[in-house]
N, C-alpha and C. Protein backbone atom coordinates (compact mmCIF):
# COMPACT_ATOMS: atom_id res chain seq x y z
N MET A 1 0.83 -1.25 -0.14
CA MET A 1 0.03 -0.08 0.08
C MET A 1 1.08 1.12 -0.09
N SER A 2 0.60 2.18 -1.02
CA SER A 2 1.23 3.37 -0.93
C SER A 2 1.00 4.33 -0.25
N LYS A 3 1.74 5.42 0.20
CA LYS A 3 1.47 6.51 0.97
C LYS A 3 0.26 7.48 0.07
N LEU A 4 0.40 7.33 -0.72
CA LEU A 4 -0.81 7.99 -1.86
C LEU A 4 -2.16 7.21 -1.61
N SER A 5 -2.09 6.17 -1.61
CA SER A 5 -3.20 5.68 -1.38
C SER A 5 -3.96 5.56 -0.15
N ILE A 6 -3.20 5.89 1.09
CA ILE A 6 -3.55 5.88 2.20
C ILE A 6 -4.09 7.19 2.18
N LEU A 7 -3.67 8.17 1.76
CA LEU A 7 -4.19 9.77 1.71
C LEU A 7 -5.54 9.68 1.06
N THR A 8 -5.58 9.09 -0.34
CA THR A 8 -6.69 8.96 -1.15
C THR A 8 -7.94 8.21 -0.34
N GLU A 9 -7.45 7.16 0.41
CA GLU A 9 -8.48 6.27 1.16
C GLU A 9 -9.07 7.37 2.37
N PHE A 10 -8.13 8.00 2.96
CA PHE A 10 -8.65 8.96 4.10
C PHE A 10 -9.68 10.05 3.43
N TRP A 11 -9.13 10.46 2.44
CA TRP A 11 -10.09 11.51 2.02
C TRP A 11 -11.29 11.09 1.43
N GLU A 12 -11.46 9.86 0.93
CA GLU A 12 -12.84 9.15 0.88
C GLU A 12 -13.38 8.96 1.76
N PHE A 13 -13.03 8.48 2.89
CA PHE A 13 -13.61 8.30 4.24
C PHE A 13 -14.29 9.73 4.70
N LEU A 14 -13.66 10.78 4.48
CA LEU A 14 -13.97 12.13 5.15
C LEU A 14 -15.15 12.39 4.00
N ARG A 15 -14.90 12.38 2.94
CA ARG A 15 -16.22 12.76 1.98
C ARG A 15 -17.18 11.90 2.12
N VAL A 16 -17.16 10.71 2.24
CA VAL A 16 -18.28 10.04 2.20
C VAL A 16 -19.10 9.85 3.44
N ARG A 17 -18.44 10.08 4.53
CA ARG A 17 -19.01 10.18 6.05
C ARG A 17 -19.22 11.68 6.53
N LYS A 18 -18.92 12.50 5.71
CA LYS A 18 -19.14 14.02 5.95
C LYS A 18 -18.31 14.22 7.34
N LYS A 19 -17.22 13.90 7.37
CA LYS A 19 -16.35 14.08 8.74
C LYS A 19 -15.43 14.88 8.33
N PHE A 20 -15.51 16.14 7.58
CA PHE A 20 -14.65 17.17 7.17
C PHE A 20 -14.02 17.83 8.48
N TRP A 21 -14.62 17.89 9.58
CA TRP A 21 -13.92 18.31 10.87
C TRP A 21 -12.75 17.62 11.23
N LEU A 22 -12.45 16.41 10.79
CA LEU A 22 -11.33 15.54 11.12
C LEU A 22 -10.09 16.27 10.44
N ALA A 23 -10.31 16.72 9.13
CA ALA A 23 -9.18 17.15 8.25
C ALA A 23 -8.22 18.23 9.31
N PRO A 24 -8.64 19.00 9.46
CA PRO A 24 -7.62 20.26 10.58
C PRO A 24 -6.90 19.54 11.49
N ILE A 25 -7.71 18.64 12.30
CA ILE A 25 -7.07 17.90 13.52
C ILE A 25 -5.72 16.99 12.89
N VAL A 26 -6.24 16.18 11.92
CA VAL A 26 -5.16 15.45 11.44
C VAL A 26 -4.00 16.38 10.70
N PHE A 27 -4.36 17.16 10.10
CA PHE A 27 -3.15 18.15 9.53
C PHE A 27 -2.45 18.81 10.58
N PHE A 28 -2.68 19.27 11.64
CA PHE A 28 -2.16 19.67 12.72
C PHE A 28 -1.24 18.69 13.57
N LEU A 29 -1.66 17.78 13.59
CA LEU A 29 -1.00 16.55 14.09
C LEU A 29 0.15 16.01 13.35
N LEU A 30 -0.02 15.97 12.06
CA LEU A 30 1.15 15.75 11.17
C LEU A 30 2.09 16.78 10.94
N LEU A 31 1.68 18.20 11.28
CA LEU A 31 2.69 19.31 11.16
C LEU A 31 3.29 19.27 12.29
N PHE A 32 2.86 19.17 13.66
CA PHE A 32 3.71 19.21 14.75
C PHE A 32 4.50 18.01 14.84
N GLY A 33 4.02 16.85 14.58
CA GLY A 33 5.01 15.61 14.48
C GLY A 33 6.13 15.76 13.61
N THR A 34 6.15 16.31 12.25
CA THR A 34 6.92 16.81 11.59
C THR A 34 8.00 17.72 12.02
N LEU A 35 7.53 18.67 12.67
CA LEU A 35 8.36 19.59 13.34
C LEU A 35 9.29 19.27 14.59
N ILE A 36 8.65 18.30 15.15
CA ILE A 36 9.53 17.69 16.34
C ILE A 36 10.47 16.72 15.73
N VAL A 37 10.22 15.87 14.83
CA VAL A 37 11.10 15.06 14.33
C VAL A 37 12.16 15.84 13.61
N LEU A 38 12.07 16.82 12.77
CA LEU A 38 12.97 17.63 11.88
C LEU A 38 14.01 18.47 13.09
N THR A 39 13.21 19.01 14.14
CA THR A 39 14.13 19.88 14.95
C THR A 39 14.84 19.14 16.31
N GLU A 40 14.66 17.83 16.23
CA GLU A 40 15.18 17.10 17.52
C GLU A 40 16.47 17.35 17.72
N GLY A 41 17.34 17.35 16.66
CA GLY A 41 18.76 17.15 16.84
C GLY A 41 19.32 18.80 16.59
N THR A 42 18.67 19.90 16.66
CA THR A 42 19.04 21.10 16.24
C THR A 42 19.34 22.05 17.47
N ALA A 43 19.68 23.08 17.39
CA ALA A 43 19.74 24.15 18.52
C ALA A 43 18.35 24.77 18.60
N ILE A 44 17.32 24.59 17.64
CA ILE A 44 15.90 24.98 17.89
C ILE A 44 15.26 24.10 18.96
N ALA A 45 15.81 22.91 19.12
CA ALA A 45 14.77 22.05 19.91
C ALA A 45 14.44 22.41 21.27
N PRO A 46 15.25 23.19 22.08
CA PRO A 46 14.91 23.49 23.39
C PRO A 46 13.72 24.57 23.24
N PHE A 47 13.76 25.35 22.12
CA PHE A 47 12.56 26.38 22.09
C PHE A 47 11.43 25.72 21.51
N ILE A 48 11.32 24.44 20.61
CA ILE A 48 10.18 23.88 20.51
C ILE A 48 9.52 23.21 21.41
N TYR A 49 10.48 22.36 22.58
CA TYR A 49 9.73 21.62 23.37
C TYR A 49 9.35 22.53 24.61
N ALA A 50 9.82 23.93 24.77
CA ALA A 50 9.16 24.75 25.53
C ALA A 50 7.65 25.17 25.15
N LEU A 51 7.36 25.01 23.96
CA LEU A 51 5.86 25.24 23.45
C LEU A 51 5.11 24.14 24.02
N PHE A 52 5.51 22.95 24.38
CA PHE A 52 4.79 21.78 24.81
C PHE A 52 4.78 21.81 26.56
């Protein structure tokens, strides 16, 4: 299963079941997760962890 098919299946789930309110939640979770992973070894890390 490719990553693109997972996104397509998730979009179909949102569209069919009219759960569009889940999209911003998932977007921000992915954004924060990516931010933490990319900055964990840099000098920015203490400032990022201070936000949480």
